[in-house]
Amino acid sequence: MEHFSRLLELLEESCLLSDRFIEDPNVSQRRVVIQTHDFPDHDAMASAFALSQLLERFGFAPKLLYRGIIRSYSLWSMVSELAIPITQVADKANKEWRHAPCIMVDGNPTNTNARQITDNLFGVIDHHGGSETPDCPFVDIRTDYGACSSIIESYWHELALSPDKVAATALLMGIQMDTDFLSRRVHQADLDALHRIFFIADWEYGSRVVKTALSKTDLNSLQLAIANARIQDGIFFTVITEEITQEAISVLADFFLRLREISITILVENKGEIRPVSVRSQLPEVSAARVIRTALKDIGEGGGHDYMAGGLLFPATEISDDDLFFRFLNAIKEH
């Protein structure tokens, strides 16, 4: 049985069970929560939105939820311009949705950056590696895919359906962002998905928004990143001592990896309530995901791919730049 057909079969059963918890007869049945990983990016947002559009065609009532905050100019533009109906929650879904089956996309609850929002984990659709297989009815994890959006697009293709222009634009943006415009970790399925949706989507809008990720206000962050940089054994490490957008720190991590002498980049914002960390690795033997999990143990959380990972320092963490540097240095040496 194909992936999406299996998902539908299992979801029907799960919704019948969850309906027992609905006290209000006016509340829509066949409710489904679609959850992104915490602090979602373009790929997570696109995957959740396009999956919700597909489920609606089969009579389900999806609710899109995420935990954390969005600190990305282009992602906010994507959400607002495409009218993606996603809701932020502080911890758990409210009572109305708490028992509804939940599908987590572009994340895995066995990973530290994707904590469950409901009490009823139904499914996980993801492309990240290094996590345990979750205990739930439906699991579709394809670690060789460059983007989770490509997995969701494959569900549409499985049914010989095409997403509308809005959903296709979201998927295009998700694939372009996670593969850096098809320049990293590209699977044949990513190329096939992009080929099928490219001219359905508003590719001019999608490409422009993804490319224009920075603002002129980020120039000072670039200066600070250079001024505070430490370079050792092909490692570029820097701490930015001002608040920076989620996207800017990711773009800068990619930017410094373009230096010929650099094979690993680590950028940390060590100021403010939300202190993001971004790691990149061009070395097959050094996994960015393992490095960030090891370095941030007990002081933060993170995860991702072998070549690209992100995380956060806990708000209460007090640590010097020197200690941070040696934590990452030791984590790299361990791998």
Protein backbone atom coordinates (compact mmCIF):
# COMPACT_ATOMS: atom_id res chain seq x y z
CA MET A 1 0.00 0.00 0.00
CA GLU A 2 1.23 3.49 -0.87
CA HIS A 3 2.21 5.84 1.94
CA PHE A 4 -0.69 8.29 1.80
CA SER A 5 -3.30 5.60 1.29
CA ARG A 6 -2.00 3.89 4.41
CA LEU A 7 -2.08 7.19 6.29
CA LEU A 8 -5.74 7.72 5.34
CA GLU A 9 -6.73 4.23 6.42
CA LEU A 10 -5.09 4.55 9.82
CA LEU A 11 -6.29 8.12 10.28
CA GLU A 12 -9.92 7.11 9.80
CA GLU A 13 -9.58 4.64 12.67
CA SER A 14 -7.78 7.14 14.88
CA CYS A 15 -10.40 9.85 14.31
CA LEU A 16 -13.21 7.47 15.27
CA LEU A 17 -11.48 6.86 18.59
CA SER A 18 -10.69 10.52 19.25
CA ASP A 19 -14.30 11.57 18.57
CA ARG A 20 -15.24 10.02 21.93
CA PHE A 21 -13.58 13.00 23.64
CA ILE A 22 -15.69 15.61 21.81
CA GLU A 23 -18.34 16.93 24.21
CA ASP A 24 -19.75 19.61 21.91
CA PRO A 25 -21.91 18.10 19.11
CA ASN A 26 -21.33 21.22 17.02
CA VAL A 27 -17.58 20.68 16.89
CA SER A 28 -16.35 19.31 13.57
CA GLN A 29 -15.54 15.60 13.56
CA ARG A 30 -12.46 14.02 11.91
CA ARG A 31 -10.20 16.64 13.44
CA VAL A 32 -6.46 16.30 12.92
CA VAL A 33 -3.60 18.35 14.38
CA ILE A 34 -0.62 18.94 12.12
CA GLN A 35 2.42 20.02 14.10
CA THR A 36 5.71 21.40 12.81
CA HIS A 37 8.97 21.07 14.68
CA ASP A 38 9.58 23.79 17.29
CA PHE A 39 10.67 27.15 15.83
CA PRO A 40 9.53 26.12 12.32
CA ASP A 41 11.30 26.97 9.08
CA HIS A 42 10.04 27.21 5.49
CA ASP A 43 10.17 23.45 4.88
CA ALA A 44 8.21 22.63 8.04
CA MET A 45 5.62 25.32 7.32
CA ALA A 46 5.18 24.25 3.69
CA SER A 47 4.91 20.58 4.62
CA ALA A 48 2.24 21.25 7.25
CA PHE A 49 0.23 23.52 4.95
CA ALA A 50 0.31 21.27 1.86
CA LEU A 51 -0.56 18.20 3.95
CA SER A 52 -3.52 20.04 5.49
CA GLN A 53 -4.77 20.98 2.02
CA LEU A 54 -4.59 17.35 0.93
CA LEU A 55 -6.36 16.04 4.04
CA GLU A 56 -9.16 18.57 3.58
CA ARG A 57 -9.91 16.99 0.21
CA PHE A 58 -10.71 13.77 2.06
CA GLY A 59 -13.05 15.36 4.58
CA PHE A 60 -10.68 15.93 7.49
CA ALA A 61 -10.52 19.14 9.52
CA PRO A 62 -6.83 19.92 10.10
CA LYS A 63 -5.48 22.36 12.67
CA LEU A 64 -1.91 23.64 12.12
CA LEU A 65 0.07 24.28 15.32
CA TYR A 66 3.63 25.12 16.26
CA ARG A 67 5.61 25.82 19.42
CA GLY A 68 8.25 28.53 19.74
CA ILE A 69 8.48 31.77 17.81
CA ILE A 70 9.19 32.73 14.21
CA ARG A 71 12.15 35.08 13.79
CA SER A 72 12.44 35.15 10.02
CA TYR A 73 11.40 37.94 7.68
CA SER A 74 10.89 35.69 4.67
CA LEU A 75 9.01 33.04 6.65
CA TRP A 76 6.60 35.66 7.98
CA SER A 77 6.14 36.88 4.42
CA MET A 78 5.40 33.32 3.31
CA VAL A 79 2.84 32.78 6.08
CA SER A 80 1.07 36.10 5.51
CA GLU A 81 1.17 36.23 1.71
CA LEU A 82 0.03 32.61 1.30
CA ALA A 83 -2.47 32.95 4.18
CA ILE A 84 -1.22 29.84 5.98
CA PRO A 85 -3.60 29.32 8.93
CA ILE A 86 -1.13 28.23 11.59
CA THR A 87 -1.43 28.91 15.32
CA GLN A 88 1.28 29.26 17.95
CA VAL A 89 0.90 27.41 21.25
CA ALA A 90 2.96 27.96 24.37
CA ASP A 91 3.05 24.35 25.53
CA LYS A 92 0.11 22.05 24.76
CA ALA A 93 -2.92 22.27 22.49
CA ASN A 94 -6.13 23.42 24.18
CA LYS A 95 -8.70 20.94 25.46
CA GLU A 96 -10.66 20.95 22.20
CA TRP A 97 -7.67 19.60 20.26
CA ARG A 98 -5.72 17.80 22.98
CA HIS A 99 -6.99 14.30 22.08
CA ALA A 100 -7.14 14.74 18.30
CA PRO A 101 -4.68 12.60 16.31
CA CYS A 102 -1.50 14.60 15.69
CA ILE A 103 0.78 14.33 12.68
CA MET A 104 4.22 15.82 13.19
CA VAL A 105 5.94 17.04 10.02
CA ASP A 106 9.62 17.82 9.48
CA GLY A 107 10.30 16.76 13.06
CA ASN A 108 10.40 13.78 15.37
CA PRO A 109 9.35 13.74 19.05
CA THR A 110 12.41 11.61 19.85
CA ASN A 111 14.45 14.69 18.87
CA THR A 112 14.84 17.55 21.34
CA ASN A 113 13.51 20.25 19.00
CA ALA A 114 10.11 18.65 18.38
CA ARG A 115 8.11 18.18 21.58
CA GLN A 116 4.55 16.86 21.36
CA ILE A 117 1.74 19.41 21.42
CA THR A 118 -1.10 16.88 21.90
CA ASP A 119 -1.56 13.68 23.89
CA ASN A 120 -2.29 11.61 20.79
CA LEU A 121 0.72 11.23 18.50
CA PHE A 122 -0.62 9.57 15.37
CA GLY A 123 2.12 10.05 12.80
CA VAL A 124 5.59 11.37 11.99
CA ILE A 125 6.64 12.52 8.52
CA ASP A 126 10.26 13.59 8.50
CA HIS A 127 13.58 13.60 6.67
CA HIS A 128 15.97 14.18 9.59
CA GLY A 129 18.29 11.39 10.67
CA GLY A 130 19.85 10.47 14.00
CA SER A 131 16.60 10.04 15.92
CA GLU A 132 14.83 6.97 17.22
CA THR A 133 11.75 5.64 15.45
CA PRO A 134 8.73 7.08 17.26
CA ASP A 135 6.05 4.85 18.74
CA CYS A 136 2.98 5.79 16.71
CA PRO A 137 0.72 4.21 14.05
CA PHE A 138 2.15 5.98 10.99
CA VAL A 139 5.84 6.68 10.36
CA ASP A 140 7.30 7.95 7.09
CA ILE A 141 10.93 9.01 7.59
CA ARG A 142 13.07 9.40 4.47
CA THR A 143 16.49 10.59 5.57
CA ASP A 144 17.86 10.67 2.03
CA TYR A 145 15.40 13.38 0.97
CA GLY A 146 16.63 16.96 0.94
CA ALA A 147 13.28 18.40 2.03
CA CYS A 148 10.22 17.16 3.89
CA SER A 149 8.20 19.16 1.33
CA SER A 150 9.26 16.60 -1.27
CA ILE A 151 7.69 13.83 0.81
CA ILE A 152 4.40 15.72 1.06
CA GLU A 153 4.43 16.46 -2.67
CA SER A 154 4.90 12.74 -3.30
CA TYR A 155 1.57 12.11 -1.51
CA TRP A 156 -0.19 14.37 -4.01
CA HIS A 157 1.59 12.60 -6.87
CA GLU A 158 0.66 9.20 -5.46
CA LEU A 159 -3.01 10.15 -5.92
CA ALA A 160 -2.45 11.69 -9.38
CA LEU A 161 -3.40 15.07 -7.90
CA SER A 162 -1.68 18.44 -8.08
CA PRO A 163 -1.68 21.06 -5.30
CA ASP A 164 -3.20 24.44 -6.14
CA LYS A 165 -0.99 27.45 -6.85
CA VAL A 166 -0.74 28.52 -3.21
CA ALA A 167 0.20 25.10 -1.81
CA ALA A 168 2.59 24.50 -4.71
CA THR A 169 4.31 27.82 -3.99
CA ALA A 170 4.76 26.86 -0.35
CA LEU A 171 6.23 23.48 -1.32
CA LEU A 172 8.57 25.10 -3.83
CA MET A 173 9.85 27.46 -1.12
CA GLY A 174 10.34 24.58 1.30
CA ILE A 175 12.39 22.57 -1.21
CA GLN A 176 14.46 25.55 -2.31
CA MET A 177 15.29 26.61 1.25
CA ASP A 178 16.23 23.19 2.63
CA THR A 179 18.32 22.24 -0.40
CA ASP A 180 19.79 25.75 -0.78
CA PHE A 181 18.40 25.97 -4.30
CA LEU A 182 19.36 22.36 -5.13
CA SER A 183 22.98 22.84 -4.07
CA ARG A 184 23.05 20.47 -1.07
CA ARG A 185 21.66 17.08 -0.12
CA VAL A 186 19.51 16.68 -3.23
CA HIS A 187 17.68 13.41 -3.89
CA GLN A 188 16.08 12.49 -7.20
CA ALA A 189 12.74 12.83 -5.43
CA ASP A 190 13.47 16.50 -4.68
CA LEU A 191 14.15 17.14 -8.36
CA ASP A 192 11.01 15.25 -9.39
CA ALA A 193 8.85 17.15 -6.90
CA LEU A 194 10.23 20.51 -7.97
CA HIS A 195 9.70 19.63 -11.63
CA ARG A 196 6.04 18.74 -11.04
CA ILE A 197 5.15 21.90 -9.09
CA PHE A 198 7.48 24.55 -10.54
CA PHE A 199 5.11 26.02 -13.13
CA ILE A 200 2.03 25.47 -11.00
CA ALA A 201 3.60 27.59 -8.28
CA ASP A 202 4.27 31.31 -8.29
CA TRP A 203 7.96 30.53 -8.66
CA GLU A 204 8.95 34.17 -9.10
CA TYR A 205 7.45 35.15 -5.74
CA GLY A 206 8.71 32.04 -3.98
CA SER A 207 12.28 32.33 -5.24
CA ARG A 208 12.46 36.07 -4.54
CA VAL A 209 11.29 35.73 -0.94
CA VAL A 210 13.63 32.84 -0.17
CA LYS A 211 16.59 34.67 -1.71
CA THR A 212 15.95 38.00 0.06
CA ALA A 213 16.29 36.56 3.54
CA LEU A 214 18.36 39.39 5.02
CA SER A 215 17.66 43.03 5.81
CA LYS A 216 20.05 45.96 5.97
CA THR A 217 19.63 45.78 9.76
CA ASP A 218 21.52 42.47 9.65
CA LEU A 219 24.71 44.15 8.40
CA ASN A 220 25.78 44.94 11.95
CA SER A 221 25.39 41.27 12.85
CA LEU A 222 27.72 40.41 9.97
CA GLN A 223 30.30 42.86 11.32
CA LEU A 224 30.02 41.39 14.83
CA ALA A 225 30.33 37.85 13.48
CA ILE A 226 33.58 38.76 11.74
CA ALA A 227 34.94 40.78 14.67
CA ASN A 228 34.31 37.97 17.18
CA ALA A 229 35.42 35.09 14.94
CA ARG A 230 37.79 32.36 16.02
CA ILE A 231 39.28 30.18 13.30
CA GLN A 232 41.07 26.96 14.20
CA ASP A 233 41.70 23.73 12.27
CA GLY A 234 39.13 24.59 9.60
CA ILE A 235 36.53 25.59 12.19
CA PHE A 236 34.89 29.01 12.09
CA PHE A 237 33.31 29.88 15.45
CA THR A 238 31.75 33.19 16.39
CA VAL A 239 29.39 34.71 18.93
CA ILE A 240 27.05 37.51 17.91
CA THR A 241 26.37 39.77 20.89
CA GLU A 242 23.04 41.17 19.74
CA GLU A 243 19.65 39.72 18.88
CA ILE A 244 19.59 38.29 15.37
CA THR A 245 16.84 36.76 13.29
CA GLN A 246 16.56 33.00 13.02
CA GLU A 247 17.16 33.27 9.31
CA ALA A 248 20.12 35.64 9.47
CA ILE A 249 22.14 33.34 11.70
CA SER A 250 21.43 30.44 9.32
CA VAL A 251 22.40 32.47 6.23
CA LEU A 252 25.62 33.67 7.88
CA ALA A 253 26.53 30.10 8.84
CA ASP A 254 26.24 29.15 5.17
CA PHE A 255 28.11 32.29 4.09
CA PHE A 256 31.23 31.63 6.15
CA LEU A 257 31.32 28.05 4.91
CA ARG A 258 32.16 29.50 1.49
CA LEU A 259 35.68 30.38 2.72
CA ARG A 260 38.16 27.92 1.22
CA GLU A 261 39.89 27.38 4.56
CA ILE A 262 36.65 26.58 6.44
CA SER A 263 34.87 23.22 6.63
CA ILE A 264 32.77 23.71 9.79
CA THR A 265 30.92 26.86 10.92
CA ILE A 266 29.35 27.54 14.31
CA LEU A 267 27.38 30.72 14.99
CA VAL A 268 25.88 31.53 18.38
CA GLU A 269 23.74 34.42 19.54
CA ASN A 270 24.62 34.80 23.21
CA LYS A 271 22.20 37.57 24.08
CA GLY A 272 18.45 37.88 24.50
CA GLU A 273 15.75 35.47 25.57
CA ILE A 274 15.92 33.29 22.46
CA ARG A 275 19.56 32.48 21.69
CA PRO A 276 19.84 30.48 18.45
CA VAL A 277 22.79 28.35 17.42
CA SER A 278 23.58 27.28 13.86
CA VAL A 279 26.13 24.65 12.76
CA ARG A 280 27.26 23.62 9.27
CA SER A 281 29.66 20.83 8.28
CA GLN A 282 31.20 19.93 4.93
CA LEU A 283 33.06 16.95 6.42
CA PRO A 284 31.37 13.56 5.94
CA GLU A 285 32.93 12.32 9.18
CA VAL A 286 31.60 15.23 11.27
CA SER A 287 27.82 15.35 11.74
CA ALA A 288 26.50 18.83 12.49
CA ALA A 289 23.51 17.29 14.29
CA ARG A 290 25.68 15.17 16.60
CA VAL A 291 28.03 18.08 17.26
CA ILE A 292 25.26 20.46 18.30
CA ARG A 293 23.58 17.87 20.53
CA THR A 294 26.87 17.06 22.25
CA ALA A 295 28.02 20.67 22.65
CA LEU A 296 24.68 21.91 24.00
CA LYS A 297 24.06 19.04 26.41
CA ASP A 298 22.55 20.46 29.63
CA ILE A 299 22.82 24.07 28.41
CA GLY A 300 20.55 23.97 25.37
CA GLU A 301 18.99 21.77 22.73
CA GLY A 302 19.42 21.15 19.03
CA GLY A 303 19.26 18.75 16.13
CA GLY A 304 19.13 18.54 12.36
CA HIS A 305 21.11 16.88 9.60
CA ASP A 306 24.71 15.75 9.20
CA TYR A 307 25.47 18.84 7.13
CA MET A 308 23.17 21.40 8.78
CA ALA A 309 21.84 21.75 12.32
CA GLY A 310 20.26 24.32 14.56
CA GLY A 311 19.39 24.76 18.20
CA LEU A 312 18.98 27.09 21.16
CA LEU A 313 20.76 27.94 24.37
CA PHE A 314 18.43 27.69 27.37
CA PRO A 315 17.37 31.16 28.63
CA ALA A 316 18.89 30.56 32.08
CA THR A 317 22.26 29.43 30.70
CA GLU A 318 25.22 31.57 31.71
CA ILE A 319 28.34 30.61 29.82
CA SER A 320 31.38 32.47 28.56
CA ASP A 321 32.34 32.62 24.90
CA ASP A 322 35.53 30.69 25.73
CA ASP A 323 33.58 27.85 27.34
CA LEU A 324 31.19 27.71 24.41
CA PHE A 325 34.07 27.54 21.96
CA PHE A 326 35.75 24.66 23.79
CA ARG A 327 32.45 22.79 24.12
CA PHE A 328 32.08 22.79 20.36
CA LEU A 329 35.76 22.07 19.78
CA ASN A 330 35.57 19.00 22.04
CA ALA A 331 32.29 17.88 20.45
CA ILE A 332 33.92 17.96 17.01
CA LYS A 333 36.96 16.04 18.23
CA GLU A 334 34.71 13.34 19.71
CA HIS A 335 33.27 12.65 16.27
